[in-house]
Amino acid sequence: MTERRLLDRSVLQGDSPDVAPQLLGTILQRPDEGTAVRIIEVEAYDEDDPASHTFRGRTPRNAVMFGPAGHAYVYFTYGMHWCTNVVTGPDGHGQAVLLRAAEVVEGQAVMRARRGDRVRDRDLLRGPARLASALGIDGALGGVDLLDPSSPVQLAADGHEPPVVAAGPRVGVRLAANRPWRFWIDGHPLVSRYVRHRRADEQGGAPEPS
């Protein structure tokens, strides 16, 4: 197996829709506990996108999305779930890529202990909240530099063959619902099921979570 190396920050400094497919096949790892997953599904969000947290400008909650690239934007949603994003783009432009689903590389026992015995293997990391839960990612890790060798959560590459990428609308997004900014490894069995928001593209209301 090729040795893992932290991703180069330059890979993440493009616009989120361009960076997002490049994250497929990369490794999100927690060296402190020996867990690692391979990213298989992502979604891009940008400040010019009405579905993004940054659409209405910088706030204390979304400030990390305005850069620098390579940091983690971790947010709480529905009063019960954490979700993990990788910040992209140049400093000052609010954008990030949501990590939607992954497959286990190592440390399944640790992740299984967090998720519980009743969870099916296919659902262990299928969905952004499940992914964050399995890796123990919460608000305390918001803002960490994923490319820092001393970080408790890191984004790395291991020479994995570039996957065949598919693209389509984002899951459960109400505004800009038809924008094809969800990317996944084509044919992978652990990719999320696409669910269209029941009020997709209606006017008004707050932006959807990024």
N, C-alpha and C. Protein backbone atom coordinates (compact mmCIF):
# COMPACT_ATOMS: atom_id res chain seq x y z
N MET A 1 0.85 -1.20 0.00
CA MET A 1 0.00 0.00 0.00
C MET A 1 0.88 1.25 0.00
N THR A 2 0.50 2.24 -0.81
CA THR A 2 1.23 3.50 -0.85
C THR A 2 1.08 4.24 0.48
N GLU A 3 2.18 4.81 0.95
CA GLU A 3 2.13 5.56 2.20
C GLU A 3 1.22 6.78 2.07
N ARG A 4 0.47 7.04 3.09
CA ARG A 4 -0.40 8.21 3.08
C ARG A 4 0.41 9.48 3.27
N ARG A 5 -0.06 10.53 2.61
CA ARG A 5 0.53 11.85 2.80
C ARG A 5 -0.61 12.86 2.88
N LEU A 6 -0.40 13.87 3.70
CA LEU A 6 -1.43 14.89 3.81
C LEU A 6 -1.63 15.57 2.47
N LEU A 7 -2.86 15.91 2.17
CA LEU A 7 -3.19 16.58 0.92
C LEU A 7 -2.47 17.91 0.83
N ASP A 8 -2.05 18.29 -0.34
CA ASP A 8 -1.43 19.59 -0.55
C ASP A 8 -2.52 20.67 -0.53
N ARG A 9 -2.26 21.76 0.18
CA ARG A 9 -3.28 22.79 0.31
C ARG A 9 -3.70 23.38 -1.04
N SER A 10 -2.81 23.37 -1.99
CA SER A 10 -3.14 23.94 -3.31
C SER A 10 -4.30 23.19 -3.97
N VAL A 11 -4.47 21.92 -3.62
CA VAL A 11 -5.58 21.13 -4.19
C VAL A 11 -6.92 21.71 -3.78
N LEU A 12 -6.96 22.34 -2.60
CA LEU A 12 -8.21 22.82 -2.03
C LEU A 12 -8.49 24.29 -2.30
N GLN A 13 -7.62 24.97 -3.01
CA GLN A 13 -7.76 26.41 -3.15
C GLN A 13 -8.59 26.84 -4.36
N GLY A 14 -9.13 25.88 -5.09
CA GLY A 14 -10.04 26.20 -6.17
C GLY A 14 -11.46 26.37 -5.65
N ASP A 15 -12.39 26.64 -6.56
CA ASP A 15 -13.79 26.78 -6.18
C ASP A 15 -14.37 25.42 -5.80
N SER A 16 -15.31 25.43 -4.87
CA SER A 16 -15.80 24.18 -4.29
C SER A 16 -16.33 23.17 -5.33
N PRO A 17 -17.06 23.58 -6.38
CA PRO A 17 -17.53 22.57 -7.34
C PRO A 17 -16.38 21.90 -8.10
N ASP A 18 -15.25 22.59 -8.21
CA ASP A 18 -14.08 22.00 -8.88
C ASP A 18 -13.29 21.11 -7.92
N VAL A 19 -13.21 21.51 -6.66
CA VAL A 19 -12.46 20.75 -5.67
C VAL A 19 -13.21 19.49 -5.25
N ALA A 20 -14.53 19.58 -5.13
CA ALA A 20 -15.33 18.49 -4.57
C ALA A 20 -15.02 17.12 -5.20
N PRO A 21 -15.05 16.99 -6.53
CA PRO A 21 -14.79 15.65 -7.09
C PRO A 21 -13.36 15.16 -6.84
N GLN A 22 -12.44 16.09 -6.61
CA GLN A 22 -11.06 15.70 -6.33
C GLN A 22 -10.91 15.09 -4.93
N LEU A 23 -11.89 15.33 -4.06
CA LEU A 23 -11.83 14.75 -2.72
C LEU A 23 -12.30 13.30 -2.69
N LEU A 24 -12.96 12.84 -3.75
CA LEU A 24 -13.40 11.45 -3.80
C LEU A 24 -12.18 10.53 -3.85
N GLY A 25 -12.16 9.57 -2.97
CA GLY A 25 -11.03 8.65 -2.89
C GLY A 25 -9.97 9.07 -1.89
N THR A 26 -10.08 10.29 -1.34
CA THR A 26 -9.11 10.72 -0.34
C THR A 26 -9.47 10.12 1.02
N ILE A 27 -8.56 10.25 1.97
CA ILE A 27 -8.70 9.63 3.29
C ILE A 27 -8.91 10.69 4.36
N LEU A 28 -9.96 10.53 5.16
CA LEU A 28 -10.15 11.33 6.36
C LEU A 28 -9.74 10.43 7.53
N GLN A 29 -8.76 10.88 8.30
CA GLN A 29 -8.19 9.99 9.31
C GLN A 29 -8.05 10.69 10.66
N ARG A 30 -8.08 9.85 11.72
CA ARG A 30 -7.83 10.29 13.08
C ARG A 30 -6.65 9.48 13.60
N PRO A 31 -5.43 9.98 13.42
CA PRO A 31 -4.24 9.21 13.81
C PRO A 31 -4.20 8.88 15.29
N ASP A 32 -4.82 9.72 16.11
CA ASP A 32 -4.78 9.50 17.55
C ASP A 32 -5.53 8.24 17.97
N GLU A 33 -6.47 7.77 17.14
CA GLU A 33 -7.25 6.60 17.52
C GLU A 33 -7.20 5.48 16.48
N GLY A 34 -6.45 5.70 15.41
CA GLY A 34 -6.29 4.65 14.40
C GLY A 34 -7.50 4.41 13.54
N THR A 35 -8.29 5.46 13.28
CA THR A 35 -9.43 5.32 12.39
C THR A 35 -9.17 6.08 11.09
N ALA A 36 -9.70 5.54 10.01
CA ALA A 36 -9.55 6.19 8.71
C ALA A 36 -10.68 5.74 7.80
N VAL A 37 -11.19 6.66 6.99
CA VAL A 37 -12.25 6.35 6.03
C VAL A 37 -11.89 6.94 4.67
N ARG A 38 -12.43 6.32 3.62
CA ARG A 38 -12.23 6.84 2.27
C ARG A 38 -13.50 7.56 1.83
N ILE A 39 -13.35 8.80 1.41
CA ILE A 39 -14.49 9.61 1.01
C ILE A 39 -15.05 9.11 -0.32
N ILE A 40 -16.37 8.88 -0.36
CA ILE A 40 -16.99 8.36 -1.58
C ILE A 40 -18.11 9.26 -2.10
N GLU A 41 -18.51 10.27 -1.31
CA GLU A 41 -19.61 11.15 -1.74
C GLU A 41 -19.46 12.51 -1.07
N VAL A 42 -19.64 13.58 -1.84
CA VAL A 42 -19.47 14.94 -1.33
C VAL A 42 -20.49 15.87 -1.98
N GLU A 43 -20.65 17.06 -1.40
CA GLU A 43 -21.48 18.11 -2.00
C GLU A 43 -20.75 19.45 -1.88
N ALA A 44 -20.84 20.26 -2.92
CA ALA A 44 -20.19 21.57 -2.93
C ALA A 44 -21.19 22.67 -2.57
N TYR A 45 -20.70 23.68 -1.82
CA TYR A 45 -21.49 24.86 -1.44
C TYR A 45 -20.61 26.09 -1.56
N ASP A 46 -21.23 27.21 -2.00
CA ASP A 46 -20.49 28.43 -2.30
C ASP A 46 -21.30 29.64 -1.84
N GLU A 47 -20.64 30.75 -1.58
CA GLU A 47 -21.35 31.92 -1.06
C GLU A 47 -22.33 32.52 -2.06
N ASP A 48 -22.18 32.21 -3.34
CA ASP A 48 -23.15 32.67 -4.34
C ASP A 48 -24.29 31.67 -4.53
N ASP A 49 -24.33 30.69 -3.68
CA ASP A 49 -25.28 29.59 -3.75
C ASP A 49 -26.32 29.77 -2.63
N PRO A 50 -27.60 29.95 -2.94
CA PRO A 50 -28.60 30.19 -1.90
C PRO A 50 -28.79 29.04 -0.93
N ALA A 51 -28.23 27.87 -1.24
CA ALA A 51 -28.33 26.74 -0.32
C ALA A 51 -27.20 26.72 0.71
N SER A 52 -26.26 27.66 0.61
CA SER A 52 -25.08 27.65 1.47
C SER A 52 -25.26 28.49 2.73
N HIS A 53 -24.60 28.10 3.80
CA HIS A 53 -24.60 28.89 5.03
C HIS A 53 -24.01 30.28 4.82
N THR A 54 -23.16 30.44 3.81
CA THR A 54 -22.48 31.72 3.60
C THR A 54 -23.22 32.66 2.64
N PHE A 55 -24.37 32.26 2.16
CA PHE A 55 -25.08 33.05 1.16
C PHE A 55 -25.42 34.46 1.66
N ARG A 56 -25.68 34.59 2.95
CA ARG A 56 -26.05 35.89 3.51
C ARG A 56 -24.89 36.59 4.21
N GLY A 57 -23.69 36.11 3.96
CA GLY A 57 -22.52 36.78 4.50
C GLY A 57 -21.92 36.09 5.72
N ARG A 58 -20.83 36.67 6.19
CA ARG A 58 -20.07 36.10 7.30
C ARG A 58 -20.80 36.29 8.63
N THR A 59 -20.79 35.25 9.44
CA THR A 59 -21.34 35.28 10.79
C THR A 59 -20.35 34.54 11.70
N PRO A 60 -20.50 34.66 13.02
CA PRO A 60 -19.63 33.88 13.89
C PRO A 60 -19.72 32.37 13.60
N ARG A 61 -20.90 31.90 13.23
CA ARG A 61 -21.08 30.47 12.98
C ARG A 61 -20.32 30.00 11.74
N ASN A 62 -20.37 30.79 10.65
CA ASN A 62 -19.82 30.31 9.39
C ASN A 62 -18.45 30.89 9.05
N ALA A 63 -17.84 31.64 9.96
CA ALA A 63 -16.60 32.37 9.67
C ALA A 63 -15.51 31.48 9.10
N VAL A 64 -15.40 30.24 9.59
CA VAL A 64 -14.32 29.37 9.12
C VAL A 64 -14.45 29.06 7.64
N MET A 65 -15.67 29.15 7.08
CA MET A 65 -15.87 28.87 5.66
C MET A 65 -15.23 29.92 4.76
N PHE A 66 -14.86 31.04 5.32
CA PHE A 66 -14.24 32.11 4.52
C PHE A 66 -12.72 31.95 4.44
N GLY A 67 -12.21 30.83 4.87
CA GLY A 67 -10.80 30.53 4.70
C GLY A 67 -10.01 30.62 5.98
N PRO A 68 -8.78 30.08 5.91
CA PRO A 68 -8.11 29.51 4.74
C PRO A 68 -8.59 28.11 4.39
N ALA A 69 -8.28 27.71 3.15
CA ALA A 69 -8.65 26.38 2.68
C ALA A 69 -7.96 25.31 3.52
N GLY A 70 -8.65 24.18 3.64
CA GLY A 70 -8.07 23.04 4.34
C GLY A 70 -8.50 22.89 5.78
N HIS A 71 -9.29 23.85 6.27
CA HIS A 71 -9.80 23.75 7.64
C HIS A 71 -11.16 23.07 7.63
N ALA A 72 -11.57 22.58 8.80
CA ALA A 72 -12.84 21.88 8.93
C ALA A 72 -13.93 22.84 9.38
N TYR A 73 -15.03 22.85 8.64
CA TYR A 73 -16.23 23.56 9.07
C TYR A 73 -17.19 22.50 9.59
N VAL A 74 -17.44 22.51 10.89
CA VAL A 74 -18.30 21.51 11.53
C VAL A 74 -19.53 22.23 12.07
N TYR A 75 -20.70 21.79 11.66
CA TYR A 75 -21.91 22.47 12.11
C TYR A 75 -22.91 21.47 12.70
N PHE A 76 -23.79 22.00 13.53
CA PHE A 76 -24.82 21.23 14.22
C PHE A 76 -26.14 21.45 13.49
N THR A 77 -26.89 20.39 13.25
CA THR A 77 -28.12 20.52 12.50
C THR A 77 -29.24 19.69 13.12
N TYR A 78 -30.47 20.15 12.95
CA TYR A 78 -31.66 19.47 13.45
C TYR A 78 -31.59 19.21 14.96
N GLY A 79 -30.77 19.97 15.66
CA GLY A 79 -30.69 19.86 17.10
C GLY A 79 -30.09 18.57 17.61
N MET A 80 -29.44 17.79 16.71
CA MET A 80 -28.93 16.49 17.16
C MET A 80 -27.74 15.95 16.38
N HIS A 81 -27.40 16.52 15.22
CA HIS A 81 -26.36 15.92 14.38
C HIS A 81 -25.24 16.93 14.07
N TRP A 82 -24.01 16.41 14.00
CA TRP A 82 -22.88 17.19 13.50
C TRP A 82 -22.57 16.75 12.07
N CYS A 83 -22.12 17.69 11.25
CA CYS A 83 -21.70 17.40 9.88
C CYS A 83 -20.36 18.07 9.62
N THR A 84 -19.55 17.44 8.78
CA THR A 84 -18.18 17.89 8.54
C THR A 84 -18.00 18.37 7.11
N ASN A 85 -17.38 19.55 6.95
CA ASN A 85 -17.06 20.12 5.65
C ASN A 85 -15.58 20.43 5.57
N VAL A 86 -15.04 20.40 4.35
CA VAL A 86 -13.68 20.84 4.08
C VAL A 86 -13.75 22.21 3.42
N VAL A 87 -13.13 23.21 4.03
CA VAL A 87 -13.14 24.56 3.48
C VAL A 87 -12.26 24.61 2.23
N THR A 88 -12.75 25.29 1.19
CA THR A 88 -12.02 25.40 -0.07
C THR A 88 -11.91 26.87 -0.48
N GLY A 89 -11.24 27.09 -1.61
CA GLY A 89 -11.19 28.41 -2.21
C GLY A 89 -10.20 29.37 -1.59
N PRO A 90 -10.13 30.57 -2.16
CA PRO A 90 -9.23 31.60 -1.62
C PRO A 90 -9.79 32.20 -0.34
N ASP A 91 -8.91 32.74 0.48
CA ASP A 91 -9.34 33.42 1.71
C ASP A 91 -10.34 34.52 1.36
N GLY A 92 -11.38 34.60 2.17
CA GLY A 92 -12.36 35.66 2.00
C GLY A 92 -13.58 35.26 1.20
N HIS A 93 -13.55 34.09 0.55
CA HIS A 93 -14.70 33.64 -0.23
C HIS A 93 -15.30 32.43 0.48
N GLY A 94 -16.55 32.55 0.94
CA GLY A 94 -17.16 31.53 1.79
C GLY A 94 -17.63 30.31 1.03
N GLN A 95 -16.90 29.21 1.16
CA GLN A 95 -17.28 27.99 0.45
C GLN A 95 -16.67 26.78 1.14
N ALA A 96 -17.28 25.62 0.91
CA ALA A 96 -16.79 24.39 1.51
C ALA A 96 -17.42 23.20 0.81
N VAL A 97 -16.88 22.03 1.09
CA VAL A 97 -17.39 20.77 0.55
C VAL A 97 -17.85 19.90 1.71
N LEU A 98 -19.12 19.52 1.68
CA LEU A 98 -19.69 18.64 2.70
C LEU A 98 -19.28 17.20 2.41
N LEU A 99 -18.80 16.50 3.44
CA LEU A 99 -18.45 15.09 3.32
C LEU A 99 -19.70 14.27 3.62
N ARG A 100 -20.25 13.63 2.59
CA ARG A 100 -21.56 12.98 2.71
C ARG A 100 -21.48 11.51 3.07
N ALA A 101 -20.50 10.79 2.56
CA ALA A 101 -20.43 9.35 2.83
C ALA A 101 -19.01 8.85 2.62
N ALA A 102 -18.71 7.71 3.26
CA ALA A 102 -17.36 7.15 3.19
C ALA A 102 -17.42 5.65 3.39
N GLU A 103 -16.29 4.99 3.16
CA GLU A 103 -16.14 3.57 3.46
C GLU A 103 -15.00 3.39 4.45
N VAL A 104 -15.06 2.36 5.24
CA VAL A 104 -14.05 2.11 6.27
C VAL A 104 -12.72 1.70 5.63
N VAL A 105 -11.65 2.30 6.11
CA VAL A 105 -10.30 1.88 5.74
C VAL A 105 -9.65 1.16 6.92
N GLU A 106 -9.76 1.73 8.10
CA GLU A 106 -9.26 1.07 9.30
C GLU A 106 -9.98 1.62 10.53
N GLY A 107 -9.98 0.82 11.59
CA GLY A 107 -10.59 1.26 12.85
C GLY A 107 -12.08 1.02 12.92
N GLN A 108 -12.58 0.01 12.22
CA GLN A 108 -14.03 -0.22 12.21
C GLN A 108 -14.57 -0.46 13.61
N ALA A 109 -13.83 -1.16 14.47
CA ALA A 109 -14.33 -1.46 15.81
C ALA A 109 -14.58 -0.19 16.61
N VAL A 110 -13.70 0.79 16.45
CA VAL A 110 -13.87 2.07 17.15
C VAL A 110 -15.12 2.78 16.65
N MET A 111 -15.28 2.81 15.35
CA MET A 111 -16.45 3.48 14.77
C MET A 111 -17.74 2.73 15.08
N ARG A 112 -17.67 1.42 15.09
CA ARG A 112 -18.84 0.61 15.43
C ARG A 112 -19.27 0.87 16.87
N ALA A 113 -18.31 1.03 17.78
CA ALA A 113 -18.63 1.31 19.18
C ALA A 113 -19.38 2.62 19.32
N ARG A 114 -19.04 3.60 18.49
CA ARG A 114 -19.73 4.89 18.55
C ARG A 114 -21.13 4.80 17.95
N ARG A 115 -21.28 4.03 16.91
CA ARG A 115 -22.55 4.00 16.18
C ARG A 115 -23.53 2.97 16.72
N GLY A 116 -23.03 1.97 17.46
CA GLY A 116 -23.92 0.98 18.04
C GLY A 116 -23.99 -0.31 17.25
N ASP A 117 -24.34 -1.38 17.93
CA ASP A 117 -24.35 -2.72 17.32
C ASP A 117 -25.47 -2.93 16.31
N ARG A 118 -26.53 -2.15 16.44
CA ARG A 118 -27.69 -2.38 15.58
C ARG A 118 -27.56 -1.74 14.20
N VAL A 119 -26.60 -0.88 14.03
CA VAL A 119 -26.42 -0.20 12.74
C VAL A 119 -25.82 -1.16 11.73
N ARG A 120 -26.43 -1.26 10.56
CA ARG A 120 -25.91 -2.12 9.52
C ARG A 120 -24.58 -1.58 9.01
N ASP A 121 -23.70 -2.48 8.55
CA ASP A 121 -22.40 -2.06 8.03
C ASP A 121 -22.55 -1.02 6.93
N ARG A 122 -23.54 -1.19 6.07
CA ARG A 122 -23.70 -0.27 4.94
C ARG A 122 -24.11 1.13 5.39
N ASP A 123 -24.66 1.23 6.62
CA ASP A 123 -25.11 2.52 7.13
C ASP A 123 -24.13 3.15 8.11
N LEU A 124 -23.00 2.52 8.32
CA LEU A 124 -22.05 3.02 9.30
C LEU A 124 -21.56 4.43 8.98
N LEU A 125 -21.31 4.69 7.69
CA LEU A 125 -20.74 5.97 7.25
C LEU A 125 -21.55 6.57 6.10
N ARG A 126 -22.77 6.14 5.95
CA ARG A 126 -23.59 6.54 4.81
C ARG A 126 -24.49 7.70 5.22
N GLY A 127 -24.07 8.91 4.88
CA GLY A 127 -24.76 10.12 5.30
C GLY A 127 -23.82 10.98 6.14
N PRO A 128 -23.91 12.31 6.01
CA PRO A 128 -22.94 13.19 6.67
C PRO A 128 -22.96 13.13 8.19
N ALA A 129 -24.14 12.97 8.78
CA ALA A 129 -24.22 12.89 10.24
C ALA A 129 -23.63 11.57 10.75
N ARG A 130 -23.90 10.49 10.04
CA ARG A 130 -23.35 9.20 10.43
C ARG A 130 -21.83 9.20 10.33
N LEU A 131 -21.32 9.81 9.27
CA LEU A 131 -19.88 9.87 9.06
C LEU A 131 -19.20 10.61 10.23
N ALA A 132 -19.74 11.78 10.57
CA ALA A 132 -19.17 12.55 11.66
C ALA A 132 -19.27 11.81 12.98
N SER A 133 -20.41 11.17 13.22
CA SER A 133 -20.60 10.43 14.46
C SER A 133 -19.62 9.28 14.59
N ALA A 134 -19.42 8.53 13.53
CA ALA A 134 -18.52 7.38 13.57
C ALA A 134 -17.08 7.79 13.88
N LEU A 135 -16.69 8.96 13.39
CA LEU A 135 -15.33 9.45 13.62
C LEU A 135 -15.22 10.31 14.88
N GLY A 136 -16.32 10.51 15.57
CA GLY A 136 -16.28 11.32 16.79
C GLY A 136 -16.01 12.78 16.53
N ILE A 137 -16.47 13.29 15.39
CA ILE A 137 -16.26 14.69 15.03
C ILE A 137 -17.45 15.51 15.52
N ASP A 138 -17.17 16.54 16.30
CA ASP A 138 -18.22 17.43 16.80
C ASP A 138 -17.69 18.86 16.80
N GLY A 139 -18.42 19.75 17.45
CA GLY A 139 -18.07 21.16 17.43
C GLY A 139 -16.70 21.47 17.99
N ALA A 140 -16.20 20.63 18.87
CA ALA A 140 -14.88 20.85 19.45
C ALA A 140 -13.77 20.78 18.40
N LEU A 141 -14.06 20.13 17.28
CA LEU A 141 -13.07 20.00 16.20
C LEU A 141 -13.32 20.99 15.07
N GLY A 142 -14.31 21.84 15.23
CA GLY A 142 -14.57 22.86 14.21
C GLY A 142 -13.39 23.81 14.08
N GLY A 143 -12.97 24.05 12.85
CA GLY A 143 -11.88 24.98 12.59
C GLY A 143 -10.51 24.36 12.55
N VAL A 144 -10.35 23.07 12.88
CA VAL A 144 -9.01 22.47 12.88
C VAL A 144 -8.46 22.44 11.45
N ASP A 145 -7.16 22.52 11.36
CA ASP A 145 -6.48 22.45 10.07
C ASP A 145 -6.30 20.99 9.70
N LEU A 146 -7.02 20.54 8.71
CA LEU A 146 -6.98 19.13 8.30
C LEU A 146 -5.67 18.75 7.63
N LEU A 147 -4.84 19.73 7.33
CA LEU A 147 -3.57 19.47 6.64
C LEU A 147 -2.37 19.65 7.56
N ASP A 148 -2.62 19.81 8.84
CA ASP A 148 -1.56 19.97 9.84
C ASP A 148 -1.19 18.59 10.39
N PRO A 149 0.08 18.20 10.37
CA PRO A 149 0.48 16.89 10.87
C PRO A 149 0.14 16.66 12.34
N SER A 150 -0.08 17.73 13.10
CA SER A 150 -0.42 17.59 14.52
C SER A 150 -1.92 17.61 14.77
N SER A 151 -2.72 17.76 13.72
CA SER A 151 -4.17 17.85 13.89
C SER A 151 -4.76 16.50 14.27
N PRO A 152 -5.82 16.50 15.11
CA PRO A 152 -6.48 15.24 15.47
C PRO A 152 -7.31 14.64 14.34
N VAL A 153 -7.64 15.44 13.33
CA VAL A 153 -8.35 14.97 12.14
C VAL A 153 -7.58 15.47 10.93
N GLN A 154 -7.33 14.59 9.97
CA GLN A 154 -6.48 14.95 8.83
C GLN A 154 -7.09 14.45 7.52
N LEU A 155 -6.74 15.16 6.45
CA LEU A 155 -7.16 14.78 5.11
C LEU A 155 -5.92 14.37 4.32
N ALA A 156 -5.93 13.15 3.82
CA ALA A 156 -4.72 12.60 3.21
C ALA A 156 -5.03 11.89 1.91
N ALA A 157 -3.97 11.56 1.18
CA ALA A 157 -4.06 10.77 -0.05
C ALA A 157 -3.17 9.55 0.12
N ASP A 158 -3.55 8.45 -0.54
CA ASP A 158 -2.74 7.23 -0.41
C ASP A 158 -2.47 6.57 -1.75
N GLY A 159 -2.53 7.34 -2.82
CA GLY A 159 -2.26 6.79 -4.14
C GLY A 159 -3.41 5.99 -4.73
N HIS A 160 -4.59 6.14 -4.14
CA HIS A 160 -5.78 5.45 -4.64
C HIS A 160 -6.05 5.87 -6.08
N GLU A 161 -6.37 4.90 -6.91
CA GLU A 161 -6.63 5.19 -8.33
C GLU A 161 -7.79 6.17 -8.45
N PRO A 162 -7.65 7.22 -9.27
CA PRO A 162 -8.74 8.18 -9.42
C PRO A 162 -10.04 7.48 -9.82
N PRO A 163 -11.12 7.74 -9.09
CA PRO A 163 -12.37 7.03 -9.36
C PRO A 163 -13.12 7.61 -10.55
N VAL A 164 -14.09 6.84 -11.04
CA VAL A 164 -15.05 7.36 -12.01
C VAL A 164 -16.08 8.16 -11.22
N VAL A 165 -16.25 9.42 -11.59
CA VAL A 165 -17.09 10.34 -10.82
C VAL A 165 -18.44 10.55 -11.50
N ALA A 166 -19.49 10.49 -10.69
CA ALA A 166 -20.84 10.83 -11.15
C ALA A 166 -21.27 12.11 -10.44
N ALA A 167 -22.21 12.83 -11.03
CA ALA A 167 -22.68 14.09 -10.45
C ALA A 167 -24.18 14.21 -10.60
N GLY A 168 -24.79 14.95 -9.65
CA GLY A 168 -26.22 15.18 -9.71
C GLY A 168 -26.65 16.17 -8.66
N PRO A 169 -27.95 16.39 -8.50
CA PRO A 169 -28.46 17.35 -7.52
C PRO A 169 -28.11 16.93 -6.09
N ARG A 170 -28.00 17.92 -5.21
CA ARG A 170 -27.69 17.68 -3.81
C ARG A 170 -28.91 17.12 -3.08
N VAL A 171 -28.66 16.37 -2.02
CA VAL A 171 -29.72 15.68 -1.28
C VAL A 171 -30.45 16.65 -0.35
N GLY A 172 -31.78 16.68 -0.44
CA GLY A 172 -32.60 17.41 0.51
C GLY A 172 -32.45 18.91 0.51
N VAL A 173 -31.89 19.48 -0.55
CA VAL A 173 -31.68 20.92 -0.63
C VAL A 173 -32.91 21.58 -1.23
N ARG A 174 -33.41 22.63 -0.59
CA ARG A 174 -34.63 23.29 -1.06
C ARG A 174 -34.33 24.36 -2.10
N LEU A 175 -33.30 25.18 -1.84
CA LEU A 175 -32.94 26.25 -2.76
C LEU A 175 -31.81 25.79 -3.68
N ALA A 176 -31.87 26.23 -4.93
CA ALA A 176 -30.90 25.79 -5.95
C ALA A 176 -30.89 24.26 -6.02
N ALA A 177 -32.08 23.68 -5.98
CA ALA A 177 -32.20 22.22 -5.85
C ALA A 177 -31.70 21.45 -7.06
N ASN A 178 -31.68 22.08 -8.23
CA ASN A 178 -31.28 21.37 -9.43
C ASN A 178 -29.79 21.50 -9.74
N ARG A 179 -29.08 22.26 -8.94
CA ARG A 179 -27.65 22.46 -9.19
C ARG A 179 -26.92 21.12 -8.99
N PRO A 180 -26.17 20.64 -10.00
CA PRO A 180 -25.56 19.30 -9.92
C PRO A 180 -24.24 19.32 -9.16
N TRP A 181 -24.29 19.67 -7.89
CA TRP A 181 -23.08 19.83 -7.09
C TRP A 181 -22.89 18.72 -6.07
N ARG A 182 -23.56 17.61 -6.25
CA ARG A 182 -23.24 16.41 -5.48
C ARG A 182 -22.42 15.49 -6.37
N PHE A 183 -21.33 14.98 -5.82
CA PHE A 183 -20.41 14.14 -6.58
C PHE A 183 -20.18 12.85 -5.81
N TRP A 184 -20.10 11.74 -6.52
CA TRP A 184 -19.88 10.47 -5.85
C TRP A 184 -19.12 9.51 -6.76
N ILE A 185 -18.56 8.48 -6.15
CA ILE A 185 -17.88 7.44 -6.92
C ILE A 185 -18.95 6.61 -7.60
N ASP A 186 -18.92 6.62 -8.90
CA ASP A 186 -19.98 5.99 -9.68
C ASP A 186 -20.09 4.50 -9.36
N GLY A 187 -21.31 4.08 -9.05
CA GLY A 187 -21.56 2.67 -8.79
C GLY A 187 -21.24 2.20 -7.39
N HIS A 188 -20.75 3.07 -6.53
CA HIS A 188 -20.39 2.63 -5.18
C HIS A 188 -21.66 2.32 -4.39
N PRO A 189 -21.71 1.16 -3.71
CA PRO A 189 -22.94 0.75 -3.03
C PRO A 189 -23.26 1.53 -1.76
N LEU A 190 -22.32 2.32 -1.24
CA LEU A 190 -22.55 3.03 0.01
C LEU A 190 -22.94 4.49 -0.18
N VAL A 191 -23.14 4.91 -1.41
CA VAL A 191 -23.56 6.28 -1.68
C VAL A 191 -24.97 6.52 -1.16
N SER A 192 -25.24 7.73 -0.68
CA SER A 192 -26.56 8.06 -0.15
C SER A 192 -27.65 7.93 -1.21
N ARG A 193 -28.83 7.64 -0.74
CA ARG A 193 -30.00 7.64 -1.63
C ARG A 193 -30.41 9.09 -1.88
N TYR A 194 -30.66 9.44 -3.15
CA TYR A 194 -31.06 10.80 -3.46
C TYR A 194 -32.50 11.04 -3.02
N VAL A 195 -32.69 12.08 -2.23
CA VAL A 195 -34.03 12.49 -1.79
C VAL A 195 -34.20 13.98 -2.12
N ARG A 196 -35.17 14.29 -2.92
CA ARG A 196 -35.43 15.68 -3.28
C ARG A 196 -36.30 16.33 -2.20
N HIS A 197 -35.96 17.57 -1.85
CA HIS A 197 -36.74 18.30 -0.86
C HIS A 197 -38.17 18.47 -1.37
N ARG A 198 -39.15 18.28 -0.49
CA ARG A 198 -40.54 18.32 -0.93
C ARG A 198 -40.98 19.71 -1.38
N ARG A 199 -40.24 20.76 -0.97
CA ARG A 199 -40.56 22.12 -1.42
C ARG A 199 -39.39 22.70 -2.22
N ALA A 200 -38.75 21.88 -2.99
CA ALA A 200 -37.56 22.28 -3.73
C ALA A 200 -37.81 23.50 -4.59
N ASP A 201 -36.90 24.48 -4.46
CA ASP A 201 -36.86 25.68 -5.28
C ASP A 201 -38.01 26.65 -5.03
N GLU A 202 -38.79 26.48 -3.97
CA GLU A 202 -39.76 27.50 -3.62
C GLU A 202 -39.02 28.72 -3.10
N GLN A 203 -39.59 29.89 -3.23
CA GLN A 203 -38.94 31.12 -2.83
C GLN A 203 -39.06 31.33 -1.33
N GLY A 204 -38.11 32.11 -0.77
CA GLY A 204 -38.17 32.48 0.64
C GLY A 204 -37.56 31.45 1.55
N GLY A 205 -37.50 31.77 2.83
CA GLY A 205 -36.96 30.84 3.81
C GLY A 205 -35.46 30.94 3.94
N ALA A 206 -34.93 30.25 4.92
CA ALA A 206 -33.49 30.30 5.19
C ALA A 206 -32.74 29.34 4.28
N PRO A 207 -31.46 29.61 4.04
CA PRO A 207 -30.67 28.68 3.23
C PRO A 207 -30.57 27.32 3.91
N GLU A 208 -30.42 26.30 3.09
CA GLU A 208 -30.24 24.95 3.63
C GLU A 208 -28.83 24.83 4.22
N PRO A 209 -28.61 23.85 5.11
CA PRO A 209 -27.26 23.63 5.64
C PRO A 209 -26.28 23.29 4.55
N SER A 210 -25.04 23.77 4.72
CA SER A 210 -24.01 23.41 3.76
C SER A 210 -23.27 22.18 4.25
